[in-house]
Amino acid sequence: INPDDRVPKMAEDVSPDHLRLFPLHDDVITRTVEIDDEYRLKMMYHLRWLREKATITTFICQVTCELCDMDFNYTSDLFAHLSSSQHRELVRQLELIHCV
């Protein structure tokens, strides 16, 4: 995690007994992605390309699912990812269901 994206833990008004049971951890700042028609179109073509890579190419491939920001070295792993519930949920959220 980029250090600039971390929010340090705060221990104000917390008893020492509570900290033993529930240790504090840093929070992470999340960012939203601007989802416009251009981004949707880009992802639509990218998802079609990934599906082709997963079904047509040789055993070894080095590709990234830009939607999920995940790298893959084997077509079998890429194919499994494209079928995963996490990936499919992101596709659904972006209303790109017709692309997979």
Protein backbone atom coordinates (compact mmCIF):
# COMPACT_ATOMS: atom_id res chain seq x y z
CA ILE A 1 0.00 0.00 0.00
CA ASN A 2 1.28 3.40 -0.90
CA PRO A 3 2.27 5.18 2.37
CA ASP A 4 0.45 8.32 1.18
CA ASP A 5 -2.81 6.33 1.22
CA ARG A 6 -2.53 5.31 4.87
CA VAL A 7 -4.27 7.03 7.77
CA PRO A 8 -2.38 6.38 11.05
CA LYS A 9 -4.18 4.58 13.83
CA MET A 10 -5.46 6.70 16.71
CA ALA A 11 -5.43 5.53 20.33
CA GLU A 12 -7.35 8.37 21.95
CA ASP A 13 -9.96 7.35 24.54
CA VAL A 14 -9.16 3.63 24.14
CA SER A 15 -8.45 1.49 27.20
CA PRO A 16 -5.33 -0.74 27.21
CA ASP A 17 -7.57 -3.81 27.75
CA HIS A 18 -9.48 -3.00 24.59
CA LEU A 19 -6.24 -2.72 22.60
CA ARG A 20 -5.19 -6.23 23.64
CA LEU A 21 -8.42 -7.71 22.31
CA PHE A 22 -8.81 -5.43 19.31
CA PRO A 23 -5.42 -4.11 18.17
CA LEU A 24 -5.56 -0.94 16.14
CA HIS A 25 -4.55 -0.86 12.49
CA ASP A 26 -4.07 1.91 9.98
CA ASP A 27 -6.97 2.79 7.74
CA VAL A 28 -6.55 3.01 3.99
CA ILE A 29 -7.91 5.88 1.95
CA THR A 30 -10.05 4.62 -0.89
CA ARG A 31 -10.53 6.48 -4.10
CA THR A 32 -13.47 6.39 -6.44
CA VAL A 33 -13.02 5.96 -10.16
CA GLU A 34 -14.87 8.29 -12.48
CA ILE A 35 -17.07 5.98 -14.50
CA ASP A 36 -18.08 7.65 -17.70
CA ASP A 37 -18.97 6.35 -21.15
CA GLU A 38 -15.33 6.46 -22.28
CA TYR A 39 -14.24 4.29 -19.33
CA ARG A 40 -17.10 1.85 -19.94
CA LEU A 41 -16.18 1.57 -23.62
CA LYS A 42 -12.52 0.97 -22.76
CA MET A 43 -13.47 -1.75 -20.25
CA MET A 44 -15.90 -3.31 -22.71
CA TYR A 45 -13.15 -3.80 -25.31
CA HIS A 46 -10.68 -4.89 -22.64
CA LEU A 47 -13.05 -7.55 -21.28
CA ARG A 48 -13.70 -8.93 -24.76
CA TRP A 49 -9.94 -9.06 -25.37
CA LEU A 50 -9.39 -10.87 -22.05
CA ARG A 51 -12.06 -13.44 -22.87
CA GLU A 52 -10.35 -14.08 -26.21
CA LYS A 53 -6.95 -14.42 -24.52
CA ALA A 54 -8.39 -16.87 -22.00
CA THR A 55 -9.95 -19.12 -24.63
CA ILE A 56 -7.72 -18.89 -27.71
CA THR A 57 -4.12 -18.23 -26.68
CA THR A 58 -1.50 -20.73 -25.61
CA PHE A 59 -1.03 -22.00 -22.07
CA ILE A 60 1.27 -19.17 -20.97
CA CYS A 61 0.11 -15.58 -21.15
CA GLN A 62 1.05 -12.42 -19.29
CA VAL A 63 -2.01 -10.21 -19.03
CA THR A 64 -3.63 -7.88 -16.53
CA CYS A 65 -7.32 -7.57 -15.83
CA GLU A 66 -7.47 -3.79 -15.74
CA LEU A 67 -10.92 -3.88 -14.18
CA CYS A 68 -9.69 -5.80 -11.11
CA ASP A 69 -6.02 -4.78 -11.35
CA MET A 70 -4.83 -8.39 -11.25
CA ASP A 71 -1.99 -10.00 -13.23
CA PHE A 72 -2.06 -13.50 -14.70
CA ASN A 73 0.63 -15.71 -16.20
CA TYR A 74 -1.49 -18.67 -17.33
CA THR A 75 -4.64 -18.79 -19.41
CA SER A 76 -6.23 -21.21 -16.94
CA ASP A 77 -5.85 -18.65 -14.12
CA LEU A 78 -7.20 -15.87 -16.32
CA PHE A 79 -10.19 -17.98 -17.32
CA ALA A 80 -10.92 -18.82 -13.66
CA HIS A 81 -10.68 -15.15 -12.75
CA LEU A 82 -13.11 -14.10 -15.47
CA SER A 83 -15.59 -16.59 -14.01
CA SER A 84 -15.04 -15.52 -10.39
CA SER A 85 -17.82 -13.87 -8.43
CA GLN A 86 -15.63 -10.85 -7.58
CA HIS A 87 -14.85 -10.11 -11.22
CA ARG A 88 -18.41 -10.70 -12.34
CA GLU A 89 -19.72 -8.36 -9.62
CA LEU A 90 -17.48 -5.54 -10.86
CA VAL A 91 -18.69 -6.20 -14.39
CA ARG A 92 -22.28 -6.05 -13.16
CA GLN A 93 -21.65 -2.79 -11.29
CA LEU A 94 -20.28 -1.18 -14.44
CA GLU A 95 -23.21 -2.51 -16.44
CA LEU A 96 -20.89 -4.36 -18.81
CA ILE A 97 -22.64 -7.74 -18.53
CA HIS A 98 -23.01 -8.12 -22.30
CA CYS A 99 -19.18 -8.11 -22.58
CA VAL A 100 -18.50 -11.38 -20.77
